[in-house]
PDB file of N, CA and C in Angstrom:
ATOM      1  N   ILE A   1       9.581 -84.378 -35.687  1.00  0.00           N
ATOM      2  CA  ILE A   1      10.273 -85.100 -36.737  1.00  0.00           C
ATOM      3  C   ILE A   1      10.640 -84.094 -37.815  1.00  0.00           C
ATOM      4  N   VAL A   2      11.892 -84.117 -38.233  1.00  0.00           N
ATOM      5  CA  VAL A   2      12.349 -83.232 -39.293  1.00  0.00           C
ATOM      6  C   VAL A   2      12.898 -84.061 -40.443  1.00  0.00           C
ATOM      7  N   GLU A   3      12.605 -83.623 -41.655  1.00  0.00           N
ATOM      8  CA  GLU A   3      13.111 -84.285 -42.846  1.00  0.00           C
ATOM      9  C   GLU A   3      14.371 -83.557 -43.281  1.00  0.00           C
ATOM     10  N   VAL A   4      15.432 -84.289 -43.545  1.00  0.00           N
ATOM     11  CA  VAL A   4      16.714 -83.666 -43.859  1.00  0.00           C
ATOM     12  C   VAL A   4      17.250 -84.083 -45.227  1.00  0.00           C
ATOM     13  N   ASP A   5      16.355 -84.304 -46.184  1.00  0.00           N
ATOM     14  CA  ASP A   5      16.799 -84.563 -47.552  1.00  0.00           C
ATOM     15  C   ASP A   5      17.448 -83.301 -48.103  1.00  0.00           C
ATOM     16  N   ASN A   6      18.544 -83.443 -48.786  1.00  0.00           N
ATOM     17  CA  ASN A   6      19.282 -82.329 -49.407  1.00  0.00           C
ATOM     18  C   ASN A   6      19.740 -81.286 -48.395  1.00  0.00           C
ATOM     19  N   VAL A   7      20.008 -81.700 -47.169  1.00  0.00           N
ATOM     20  CA  VAL A   7      20.534 -80.795 -46.142  1.00  0.00           C
ATOM     21  C   VAL A   7      21.994 -81.152 -45.920  1.00  0.00           C
ATOM     22  N   GLY A   8      22.855 -80.181 -46.108  1.00  0.00           N
ATOM     23  CA  GLY A   8      24.287 -80.417 -45.942  1.00  0.00           C
ATOM     24  C   GLY A   8      24.685 -80.463 -44.480  1.00  0.00           C
ATOM     25  N   SER A   9      25.863 -81.003 -44.218  1.00  0.00           N
ATOM     26  CA  SER A   9      26.333 -81.122 -42.836  1.00  0.00           C
ATOM     27  C   SER A   9      26.561 -79.751 -42.217  1.00  0.00           C
ATOM     28  N   ASN A  10      27.012 -78.771 -43.002  1.00  0.00           N
ATOM     29  CA  ASN A  10      27.241 -77.428 -42.484  1.00  0.00           C
ATOM     30  C   ASN A  10      25.921 -76.779 -42.048  1.00  0.00           C
ATOM     31  N   GLN A  11      24.891 -76.945 -42.859  1.00  0.00           N
ATOM     32  CA  GLN A  11      23.575 -76.390 -42.519  1.00  0.00           C
ATOM     33  C   GLN A  11      23.012 -77.059 -41.268  1.00  0.00           C
ATOM     34  N   LEU A  12      23.165 -78.365 -41.164  1.00  0.00           N
ATOM     35  CA  LEU A  12      22.676 -79.089 -39.992  1.00  0.00           C
ATOM     36  C   LEU A  12      23.444 -78.663 -38.743  1.00  0.00           C
ATOM     37  N   GLN A  13      24.740 -78.445 -38.876  1.00  0.00           N
ATOM     38  CA  GLN A  13      25.549 -78.007 -37.744  1.00  0.00           C
ATOM     39  C   GLN A  13      25.122 -76.617 -37.273  1.00  0.00           C
ATOM     40  N   LYS A  14      24.850 -75.705 -38.204  1.00  0.00           N
ATOM     41  CA  LYS A  14      24.389 -74.362 -37.843  1.00  0.00           C
ATOM     42  C   LYS A  14      23.033 -74.423 -37.130  1.00  0.00           C
ATOM     43  N   THR A  15      22.184 -75.338 -37.566  1.00  0.00           N
ATOM     44  CA  THR A  15      20.883 -75.513 -36.912  1.00  0.00           C
ATOM     45  C   THR A  15      21.076 -76.014 -35.495  1.00  0.00           C
ATOM     46  N   ARG A  16      21.963 -76.980 -35.307  1.00  0.00           N
ATOM     47  CA  ARG A  16      22.228 -77.507 -33.964  1.00  0.00           C
ATOM     48  C   ARG A  16      22.798 -76.428 -33.050  1.00  0.00           C
ATOM     49  N   ILE A  17      23.672 -75.583 -33.587  1.00  0.00           N
ATOM     50  CA  ILE A  17      24.251 -74.496 -32.793  1.00  0.00           C
ATOM     51  C   ILE A  17      23.162 -73.533 -32.346  1.00  0.00           C
ATOM     52  N   SER A  18      22.251 -73.176 -33.248  1.00  0.00           N
ATOM     53  CA  SER A  18      21.193 -72.231 -32.882  1.00  0.00           C
ATOM     54  C   SER A  18      20.172 -72.843 -31.934  1.00  0.00           C
ATOM     55  N   LEU A  19      20.106 -74.176 -31.854  1.00  0.00           N
ATOM     56  CA  LEU A  19      19.178 -74.848 -30.940  1.00  0.00           C
ATOM     57  C   LEU A  19      19.779 -75.104 -29.559  1.00  0.00           C
ATOM     58  N   ARG A  20      21.058 -74.832 -29.388  1.00  0.00           N
ATOM     59  CA  ARG A  20      21.713 -75.116 -28.100  1.00  0.00           C
ATOM     60  C   ARG A  20      20.957 -74.495 -26.938  1.00  0.00           C
ATOM     61  N   GLY A  21      20.713 -75.298 -25.921  1.00  0.00           N
ATOM     62  CA  GLY A  21      20.016 -74.827 -24.733  1.00  0.00           C
ATOM     63  C   GLY A  21      18.503 -74.838 -24.873  1.00  0.00           C
ATOM     64  N   LYS A  22      18.005 -75.043 -26.103  1.00  0.00           N
ATOM     65  CA  LYS A  22      16.561 -75.025 -26.329  1.00  0.00           C
ATOM     66  C   LYS A  22      16.038 -76.386 -26.788  1.00  0.00           C
ATOM     67  N   GLY A  23      16.871 -77.138 -27.486  1.00  0.00           N
ATOM     68  CA  GLY A  23      16.446 -78.430 -28.007  1.00  0.00           C
ATOM     69  C   GLY A  23      17.631 -79.209 -28.513  1.00  0.00           C
ATOM     70  N   GLU A  24      17.366 -80.422 -28.931  1.00  0.00           N
ATOM     71  CA  GLU A  24      18.433 -81.285 -29.423  1.00  0.00           C
ATOM     72  C   GLU A  24      17.938 -82.070 -30.625  1.00  0.00           C
ATOM     73  N   VAL A  25      18.791 -82.181 -31.652  1.00  0.00           N
ATOM     74  CA  VAL A  25      18.461 -82.926 -32.862  1.00  0.00           C
ATOM     75  C   VAL A  25      19.127 -84.292 -32.760  1.00  0.00           C
ATOM     76  N   LEU A  26      18.345 -85.341 -32.966  1.00  0.00           N
ATOM     77  CA  LEU A  26      18.872 -86.705 -32.923  1.00  0.00           C
ATOM     78  C   LEU A  26      18.720 -87.332 -34.295  1.00  0.00           C
ATOM     79  N   MET A  27      19.852 -87.726 -34.860  1.00  0.00           N
ATOM     80  CA  MET A  27      19.861 -88.407 -36.157  1.00  0.00           C
ATOM     81  C   MET A  27      20.372 -89.818 -35.914  1.00  0.00           C
ATOM     82  N   GLY A  28      19.925 -90.747 -36.722  1.00  0.00           N
ATOM     83  CA  GLY A  28      20.400 -92.119 -36.569  1.00  0.00           C
ATOM     84  C   GLY A  28      19.980 -92.970 -37.742  1.00  0.00           C
ATOM     85  N   LYS A  29      20.384 -94.207 -37.706  1.00  0.00           N
ATOM     86  CA  LYS A  29      19.979 -95.145 -38.743  1.00  0.00           C
ATOM     87  C   LYS A  29      18.505 -95.474 -38.534  1.00  0.00           C
ATOM     88  N   ASN A  30      17.744 -95.454 -39.630  1.00  0.00           N
ATOM     89  CA  ASN A  30      16.307 -95.672 -39.527  1.00  0.00           C
ATOM     90  C   ASN A  30      15.959 -97.030 -38.928  1.00  0.00           C
ATOM     91  N   THR A  31      16.710 -98.064 -39.311  1.00  0.00           N
ATOM     92  CA  THR A  31      16.402 -99.392 -38.778  1.00  0.00           C
ATOM     93  C   THR A  31      16.637 -99.435 -37.269  1.00  0.00           C
ATOM     94  N   MET A  32      17.681 -98.760 -36.807  1.00  0.00           N
ATOM     95  CA  MET A  32      17.974 -98.737 -35.375  1.00  0.00           C
ATOM     96  C   MET A  32      16.914 -97.930 -34.626  1.00  0.00           C
ATOM     97  N   MET A  33      16.500 -96.796 -35.198  1.00  0.00           N
ATOM     98  CA  MET A  33      15.469 -95.978 -34.546  1.00  0.00           C
ATOM     99  C   MET A  33      14.149 -96.746 -34.473  1.00  0.00           C
ATOM    100  N   ARG A  34      13.777 -97.439 -35.568  1.00  0.00           N
ATOM    101  CA  ARG A  34      12.537 -98.232 -35.557  1.00  0.00           C
ATOM    102  C   ARG A  34      12.627 -99.351 -34.530  1.00  0.00           C
ATOM    103  N   LYS A  35      13.798 -99.998 -34.423  1.00  0.00           N
ATOM    104  CA  LYS A  35      13.978-101.079 -33.452  1.00  0.00           C
ATOM    105  C   LYS A  35      13.810-100.556 -32.028  1.00  0.00           C
ATOM    106  N   CYS A  36      14.404 -99.404 -31.726  1.00  0.00           N
ATOM    107  CA  CYS A  36      14.283 -98.818 -30.384  1.00  0.00           C
ATOM    108  C   CYS A  36      12.833 -98.460 -30.071  1.00  0.00           C
ATOM    109  N   ILE A  37      12.155 -97.878 -31.052  1.00  0.00           N
ATOM    110  CA  ILE A  37      10.744 -97.518 -30.848  1.00  0.00           C
ATOM    111  C   ILE A  37       9.913 -98.771 -30.626  1.00  0.00           C
ATOM    112  N   ARG A  38      10.148 -99.802 -31.423  1.00  0.00           N
ATOM    113  CA  ARG A  38       9.406-101.059 -31.303  1.00  0.00           C
ATOM    114  C   ARG A  38       9.618-101.695 -29.928  1.00  0.00           C
ATOM    115  N   GLU A  39      10.866-101.716 -29.446  1.00  0.00           N
ATOM    116  CA  GLU A  39      11.150-102.284 -28.127  1.00  0.00           C
ATOM    117  C   GLU A  39      10.498-101.466 -27.016  1.00  0.00           C
ATOM    118  N   TYR A  40      10.494-100.144 -27.155  1.00  0.00           N
ATOM    119  CA  TYR A  40       9.852 -99.282 -26.148  1.00  0.00           C
ATOM    120  C   TYR A  40       8.350 -99.558 -26.095  1.00  0.00           C
ATOM    121  N   VAL A  41       7.734 -99.724 -27.270  1.00  0.00           N
ATOM    122  CA  VAL A  41       6.288 -99.983 -27.320  1.00  0.00           C
ATOM    123  C   VAL A  41       5.967-101.348 -26.718  1.00  0.00           C
ATOM    124  N   GLU A  42       6.855-102.346 -26.918  1.00  0.00           N
ATOM    125  CA  GLU A  42       6.637-103.666 -26.316  1.00  0.00           C
ATOM    126  C   GLU A  42       6.649-103.577 -24.795  1.00  0.00           C
ATOM    127  N   GLU A  43       7.543-102.745 -24.245  1.00  0.00           N
ATOM    128  CA  GLU A  43       7.620-102.573 -22.795  1.00  0.00           C
ATOM    129  C   GLU A  43       6.502-101.693 -22.260  1.00  0.00           C
ATOM    130  N   ASN A  44       5.997-100.774 -23.096  1.00  0.00           N
ATOM    131  CA  ASN A  44       4.951 -99.829 -22.698  1.00  0.00           C
ATOM    132  C   ASN A  44       3.812 -99.868 -23.712  1.00  0.00           C
ATOM    133  N   PRO A  45       2.969-100.908 -23.667  1.00  0.00           N
ATOM    134  CA  PRO A  45       1.898-101.031 -24.660  1.00  0.00           C
ATOM    135  C   PRO A  45       0.961 -99.823 -24.630  1.00  0.00           C
ATOM    136  N   GLY A  46       0.516 -99.429 -25.824  1.00  0.00           N
ATOM    137  CA  GLY A  46      -0.407 -98.312 -25.939  1.00  0.00           C
ATOM    138  C   GLY A  46       0.266 -96.956 -25.884  1.00  0.00           C
ATOM    139  N   ALA A  47       1.597 -96.919 -25.888  1.00  0.00           N
ATOM    140  CA  ALA A  47       2.315 -95.647 -25.838  1.00  0.00           C
ATOM    141  C   ALA A  47       2.114 -94.896 -27.153  1.00  0.00           C
ATOM    142  N   PRO A  48       1.933 -93.583 -27.099  1.00  0.00           N
ATOM    143  CA  PRO A  48       1.733 -92.819 -28.335  1.00  0.00           C
ATOM    144  C   PRO A  48       2.969 -92.780 -29.231  1.00  0.00           C
ATOM    145  N   VAL A  49       4.094 -93.254 -28.725  1.00  0.00           N
ATOM    146  CA  VAL A  49       5.344 -93.276 -29.495  1.00  0.00           C
ATOM    147  C   VAL A  49       5.238 -94.240 -30.673  1.00  0.00           C
ATOM    148  N   GLU A  50       4.293 -95.159 -30.609  1.00  0.00           N
ATOM    149  CA  GLU A  50       4.138 -96.165 -31.650  1.00  0.00           C
ATOM    150  C   GLU A  50       3.936 -95.541 -33.036  1.00  0.00           C
ATOM    151  N   ALA A  51       3.293 -94.390 -33.105  1.00  0.00           N
ATOM    152  CA  ALA A  51       3.038 -93.722 -34.385  1.00  0.00           C
ATOM    153  C   ALA A  51       4.325 -93.234 -35.041  1.00  0.00           C
ATOM    154  N   LEU A  52       5.384 -93.047 -34.268  1.00  0.00           N
ATOM    155  CA  LEU A  52       6.648 -92.562 -34.819  1.00  0.00           C
ATOM    156  C   LEU A  52       7.351 -93.597 -35.692  1.00  0.00           C
ATOM    157  N   GLU A  53       7.070 -94.870 -35.443  1.00  0.00           N
ATOM    158  CA  GLU A  53       7.768 -95.927 -36.184  1.00  0.00           C
ATOM    159  C   GLU A  53       7.507 -95.809 -37.686  1.00  0.00           C
ATOM    160  N   ALA A  54       6.283 -95.490 -38.059  1.00  0.00           N
ATOM    161  CA  ALA A  54       5.947 -95.368 -39.478  1.00  0.00           C
ATOM    162  C   ALA A  54       6.608 -94.142 -40.105  1.00  0.00           C
ATOM    163  N   SER A  55       6.973 -93.163 -39.295  1.00  0.00           N
ATOM    164  CA  SER A  55       7.582 -91.925 -39.804  1.00  0.00           C
ATOM    165  C   SER A  55       9.068 -92.068 -40.077  1.00  0.00           C
ATOM    166  N   CYS A  56       9.672 -93.152 -39.678  1.00  0.00           N
ATOM    167  CA  CYS A  56      11.118 -93.346 -39.865  1.00  0.00           C
ATOM    168  C   CYS A  56      11.406 -93.878 -41.262  1.00  0.00           C
ATOM    169  N   ARG A  57      11.089 -93.096 -42.255  1.00  0.00           N
ATOM    170  CA  ARG A  57      11.349 -93.446 -43.654  1.00  0.00           C
ATOM    171  C   ARG A  57      12.094 -92.287 -44.291  1.00  0.00           C
ATOM    172  N   GLY A  58      13.136 -92.567 -45.015  1.00  0.00           N
ATOM    173  CA  GLY A  58      13.918 -91.509 -45.655  1.00  0.00           C
ATOM    174  C   GLY A  58      14.879 -90.882 -44.657  1.00  0.00           C
ATOM    175  N   ASN A  59      15.370 -89.706 -44.984  1.00  0.00           N
ATOM    176  CA  ASN A  59      16.321 -88.999 -44.122  1.00  0.00           C
ATOM    177  C   ASN A  59      15.558 -88.163 -43.107  1.00  0.00           C
ATOM    178  N   VAL A  60      15.349 -88.716 -41.936  1.00  0.00           N
ATOM    179  CA  VAL A  60      14.604 -88.009 -40.897  1.00  0.00           C
ATOM    180  C   VAL A  60      15.416 -87.960 -39.608  1.00  0.00           C
ATOM    181  N   GLY A  61      15.069 -87.000 -38.774  1.00  0.00           N
ATOM    182  CA  GLY A  61      15.677 -86.866 -37.458  1.00  0.00           C
ATOM    183  C   GLY A  61      14.609 -86.457 -36.468  1.00  0.00           C
ATOM    184  N   PHE A  62      14.909 -86.585 -35.194  1.00  0.00           N
ATOM    185  CA  PHE A  62      13.985 -86.192 -34.138  1.00  0.00           C
ATOM    186  C   PHE A  62      14.531 -84.957 -33.444  1.00  0.00           C
ATOM    187  N   VAL A  63      13.639 -84.040 -33.102  1.00  0.00           N
ATOM    188  CA  VAL A  63      14.017 -82.852 -32.347  1.00  0.00           C
ATOM    189  C   VAL A  63      13.331 -82.963 -30.997  1.00  0.00           C
ATOM    190  N   PHE A  64      14.123 -82.969 -29.929  1.00  0.00           N
ATOM    191  CA  PHE A  64      13.591 -83.075 -28.574  1.00  0.00           C
ATOM    192  C   PHE A  64      13.771 -81.750 -27.855  1.00  0.00           C
ATOM    193  N   THR A  65      12.764 -81.363 -27.069  1.00  0.00           N
ATOM    194  CA  THR A  65      12.849 -80.138 -26.292  1.00  0.00           C
ATOM    195  C   THR A  65      11.965 -80.238 -25.053  1.00  0.00           C
ATOM    196  N   ASN A  66      12.346 -79.523 -24.026  1.00  0.00           N
ATOM    197  CA  ASN A  66      11.505 -79.365 -22.847  1.00  0.00           C
ATOM    198  C   ASN A  66      10.937 -77.952 -22.807  1.00  0.00           C
ATOM    199  N   GLY A  67      11.385 -77.126 -23.743  1.00  0.00           N
ATOM    200  CA  GLY A  67      10.982 -75.727 -23.782  1.00  0.00           C
ATOM    201  C   GLY A  67       9.770 -75.503 -24.663  1.00  0.00           C
ATOM    202  N   ASP A  68       9.656 -74.270 -25.117  1.00  0.00           N
ATOM    203  CA  ASP A  68       8.541 -73.848 -25.945  1.00  0.00           C
ATOM    204  C   ASP A  68       8.694 -74.415 -27.357  1.00  0.00           C
ATOM    205  N   LEU A  69       7.716 -75.201 -27.785  1.00  0.00           N
ATOM    206  CA  LEU A  69       7.770 -75.832 -29.099  1.00  0.00           C
ATOM    207  C   LEU A  69       7.716 -74.795 -30.214  1.00  0.00           C
ATOM    208  N   GLY A  70       6.970 -73.718 -30.015  1.00  0.00           N
ATOM    209  CA  GLY A  70       6.882 -72.670 -31.022  1.00  0.00           C
ATOM    210  C   GLY A  70       8.222 -72.011 -31.272  1.00  0.00           C
ATOM    211  N   GLU A  71       8.987 -71.802 -30.212  1.00  0.00           N
ATOM    212  CA  GLU A  71      10.317 -71.194 -30.338  1.00  0.00           C
ATOM    213  C   GLU A  71      11.259 -72.111 -31.110  1.00  0.00           C
ATOM    214  N   VAL A  72      11.214 -73.404 -30.811  1.00  0.00           N
ATOM    215  CA  VAL A  72      12.065 -74.374 -31.505  1.00  0.00           C
ATOM    216  C   VAL A  72      11.669 -74.447 -32.979  1.00  0.00           C
ATOM    217  N   ARG A  73      10.379 -74.435 -33.254  1.00  0.00           N
ATOM    218  CA  ARG A  73       9.905 -74.487 -34.641  1.00  0.00           C
ATOM    219  C   ARG A  73      10.393 -73.254 -35.414  1.00  0.00           C
ATOM    220  N   THR A  74      10.335 -72.097 -34.783  1.00  0.00           N
ATOM    221  CA  THR A  74      10.806 -70.864 -35.417  1.00  0.00           C
ATOM    222  C   THR A  74      12.285 -70.956 -35.766  1.00  0.00           C
ATOM    223  N   ILE A  75      13.080 -71.478 -34.847  1.00  0.00           N
ATOM    224  CA  ILE A  75      14.524 -71.645 -35.099  1.00  0.00           C
ATOM    225  C   ILE A  75      14.753 -72.592 -36.269  1.00  0.00           C
ATOM    226  N   LEU A  76      14.008 -73.690 -36.325  1.00  0.00           N
ATOM    227  CA  LEU A  76      14.165 -74.648 -37.423  1.00  0.00           C
ATOM    228  C   LEU A  76      13.770 -74.009 -38.754  1.00  0.00           C
ATOM    229  N   GLU A  77      12.686 -73.249 -38.765  1.00  0.00           N
ATOM    230  CA  GLU A  77      12.241 -72.618 -40.007  1.00  0.00           C
ATOM    231  C   GLU A  77      13.207 -71.529 -40.467  1.00  0.00           C
ATOM    232  N   GLU A  78      13.878 -70.856 -39.530  1.00  0.00           N
ATOM    233  CA  GLU A  78      14.864 -69.842 -39.894  1.00  0.00           C
ATOM    234  C   GLU A  78      16.073 -70.457 -40.585  1.00  0.00           C
ATOM    235  N   ASN A  79      16.343 -71.725 -40.318  1.00  0.00           N
ATOM    236  CA  ASN A  79      17.510 -72.397 -40.884  1.00  0.00           C
ATOM    237  C   ASN A  79      17.208 -73.162 -42.162  1.00  0.00           C
ATOM    238  N   VAL A  80      15.998 -73.020 -42.697  1.00  0.00           N
ATOM    239  CA  VAL A  80      15.647 -73.681 -43.948  1.00  0.00           C
ATOM    240  C   VAL A  80      16.270 -72.907 -45.100  1.00  0.00           C
ATOM    241  N   ARG A  81      16.930 -73.623 -46.004  1.00  0.00           N
ATOM    242  CA  ARG A  81      17.531 -73.015 -47.187  1.00  0.00           C
ATOM    243  C   ARG A  81      16.887 -73.648 -48.420  1.00  0.00           C
ATOM    244  N   PRO A  82      16.684 -72.859 -49.475  1.00  0.00           N
ATOM    245  CA  PRO A  82      16.119 -73.452 -50.694  1.00  0.00           C
ATOM    246  C   PRO A  82      17.088 -74.458 -51.316  1.00  0.00           C
ATOM    247  N   ALA A  83      16.530 -75.496 -51.891  1.00  0.00           N
ATOM    248  CA  ALA A  83      17.359 -76.523 -52.533  1.00  0.00           C
ATOM    249  C   ALA A  83      17.974 -75.952 -53.795  1.00  0.00           C
ATOM    250  N   PRO A  84      19.206 -76.335 -54.105  1.00  0.00           N
ATOM    251  CA  PRO A  84      19.846 -75.833 -55.338  1.00  0.00           C
ATOM    252  C   PRO A  84      19.139 -76.378 -56.583  1.00  0.00           C
ATOM    253  N   ALA A  85      19.142 -75.584 -57.635  1.00  0.00           N
ATOM    254  CA  ALA A  85      18.526 -76.015 -58.900  1.00  0.00           C
ATOM    255  C   ALA A  85      19.351 -77.141 -59.501  1.00  0.00           C
ATOM    256  N   LYS A  86      18.668 -78.053 -60.136  1.00  0.00           N
ATOM    257  CA  LYS A  86      19.366 -79.190 -60.756  1.00  0.00           C
ATOM    258  C   LYS A  86      19.417 -79.054 -62.243  1.00  0.00           C
TER     259      LYS A  86
END
């Protein structure tokens, strides 16, 4: 789960480009993501995915990968930019 508050579309696009072939970022409406998670848990009781429903608050996205999680985390951390001063 990644938090994308104060992240511009250009920065998010650059992150997606650097993740190509290694992972995928999924963004969506929080209510729709919670609904999908809730329906999945109803079909598969006791699934560990249930904990994700509470995390769908604010501007969040999911990062999916079949590869090395450490490598994906490194790529995400390399694309972090400091927030502008207000």
